[in-house]
C-alpha cells in the first residue's frame, strides 16, 4: 500500500441506528480527520517541552484570520489547508492543556 493509494475507510456505521446521512458524513469526515491526525502526531513529535498553550492558541486565532482572508478571495486549496492546520493546532492545544492539568 502506498501513500497515493490510502486504505478505504469502513462504510459501516458504528451505530446500528445510524442513518444514510450519518454514513455519508462519516465517509466525508474520516479522510479529513486522517489528515488532521497526521498533522497532530507530527506536531506532537516535534514539539518542545517549552511550547506554551498560549502560543498554540494564538496560532489557532492567527490561522483563523488567514482562513477568513482566503475565504474572501476564494482561494479554496489554501483555505482547506489552513483549516486543517487550525484544527491540528486546536487539538494540540487541548492535548497540551490536558497533559499539564493532569501533571499538577
Protein backbone atom coordinates (compact mmCIF):
# COMPACT_ATOMS: atom_id res chain seq x y z
CA UNK A 1 0.00 0.00 0.00
CA UNK A 2 1.44 3.37 -0.98
CA UNK A 3 0.67 6.92 0.15
CA UNK A 4 -1.02 7.58 -3.17
CA UNK A 5 -3.41 4.74 -2.53
CA UNK A 6 -4.67 5.11 1.08
CA UNK A 7 -6.80 2.38 2.64
CA UNK A 8 -10.53 2.68 2.27
CA UNK A 9 -12.36 3.65 5.43
CA UNK A 10 -15.11 1.32 6.60
CA UNK A 11 -18.51 2.33 5.33
CA UNK A 12 -20.47 0.55 8.03
CA UNK A 13 -21.53 2.88 10.84
CA UNK A 14 -20.51 2.13 14.40
CA UNK A 15 -24.07 2.80 15.48
CA UNK A 16 -26.57 0.29 14.07
CA UNK A 17 -29.21 3.03 14.17
CA UNK A 18 -27.14 5.40 12.01
CA UNK A 19 -28.89 6.85 9.01
CA UNK A 20 -27.63 7.15 5.45
CA UNK A 21 -26.80 10.77 6.24
CA UNK A 22 -24.66 9.59 9.18
CA UNK A 23 -22.83 7.19 6.89
CA UNK A 24 -22.28 9.93 4.31
CA UNK A 25 -20.99 12.29 6.99
CA UNK A 26 -18.60 9.61 8.24
CA UNK A 27 -17.36 8.98 4.70
CA UNK A 28 -16.68 12.71 4.26
CA UNK A 29 -15.21 13.23 7.73
CA UNK A 30 -12.78 10.34 8.07
CA UNK A 31 -10.33 11.43 5.33
CA UNK A 32 -10.22 14.93 6.84
CA UNK A 33 -9.66 13.53 10.32
CA UNK A 34 -6.86 11.33 8.97
CA UNK A 35 -5.05 14.42 7.63
CA UNK A 36 -5.54 16.33 10.87
CA UNK A 37 -4.41 13.31 12.92
CA UNK A 38 -1.24 13.11 10.85
CA UNK A 39 -0.51 16.79 11.46
CA UNK A 40 -1.19 16.43 15.20
CA UNK A 41 1.04 13.37 15.52
CA UNK A 42 3.86 15.07 13.63
CA UNK A 43 3.42 18.28 15.63
CA UNK A 44 3.50 16.47 18.96
CA UNK A 45 6.67 14.62 17.97
CA UNK A 46 8.39 17.87 17.04
CA UNK A 47 7.07 19.82 19.99
CA UNK A 48 9.46 21.04 22.62
CA UNK A 49 8.63 20.90 26.31
CA UNK A 50 8.74 24.70 26.43
CA UNK A 51 5.83 25.17 23.99
CA UNK A 52 3.15 27.20 25.70
CA UNK A 53 -0.54 26.53 25.28
CA UNK A 54 -0.84 30.28 24.76
CA UNK A 55 1.39 30.04 21.65
CA UNK A 56 -0.74 27.30 20.16
CA UNK A 57 -3.97 29.14 20.92
CA UNK A 58 -2.53 32.27 19.29
CA UNK A 59 -1.71 30.13 16.25
CA UNK A 60 -5.34 28.99 16.06
CA UNK A 61 -6.63 32.54 16.03
CA UNK A 62 -3.96 33.79 13.63
CA UNK A 63 -4.81 30.90 11.34
CA UNK A 64 -8.48 31.82 11.52
CA UNK A 65 -7.68 35.33 10.31
CA UNK A 66 -5.72 33.92 7.35
CA UNK A 67 -8.55 31.47 6.64
CA UNK A 68 -11.05 34.33 6.60
CA UNK A 69 -8.93 36.19 4.04
CA UNK A 70 -8.60 33.06 1.90
CA UNK A 71 -12.36 32.50 2.01
CA UNK A 72 -12.97 36.09 0.94
CA UNK A 73 -10.58 35.71 -2.01
CA UNK A 74 -11.93 32.22 -2.77
CA UNK A 75 -8.50 30.62 -2.53
CA UNK A 76 -10.06 27.21 -1.83
CA UNK A 77 -6.94 24.98 -1.86
CA UNK A 78 -5.11 27.22 0.61
CA UNK A 79 -8.28 27.62 2.67
CA UNK A 80 -8.64 23.86 3.02
CA UNK A 81 -5.01 23.54 4.10
CA UNK A 82 -5.38 26.46 6.53
CA UNK A 83 -8.48 24.96 8.13
CA UNK A 84 -6.71 21.62 8.57
CA UNK A 85 -3.81 23.43 10.27
CA UNK A 86 -6.20 25.29 12.56
CA UNK A 87 -7.86 22.01 13.53
CA UNK A 88 -4.49 20.39 14.25
CA UNK A 89 -3.32 23.37 16.34
CA UNK A 90 -6.58 23.36 18.30
CA UNK A 91 -6.27 19.64 19.03
CA UNK A 92 -2.61 20.00 20.05
CA UNK A 93 -3.63 22.87 22.36
CA UNK A 94 -6.21 20.63 24.01
CA UNK A 95 -3.70 17.79 24.39
CA UNK A 96 -1.10 20.08 25.98
CA UNK A 97 -3.69 21.63 28.26
CA UNK A 98 -4.85 18.22 29.45
CA UNK A 99 -1.31 16.94 29.91
CA UNK A 100 -0.39 19.95 32.02
CA UNK A 101 -3.62 19.78 34.01
CA UNK A 102 -3.10 16.09 34.81
CA UNK A 103 0.53 16.62 35.81
CA UNK A 104 -0.42 19.15 38.52
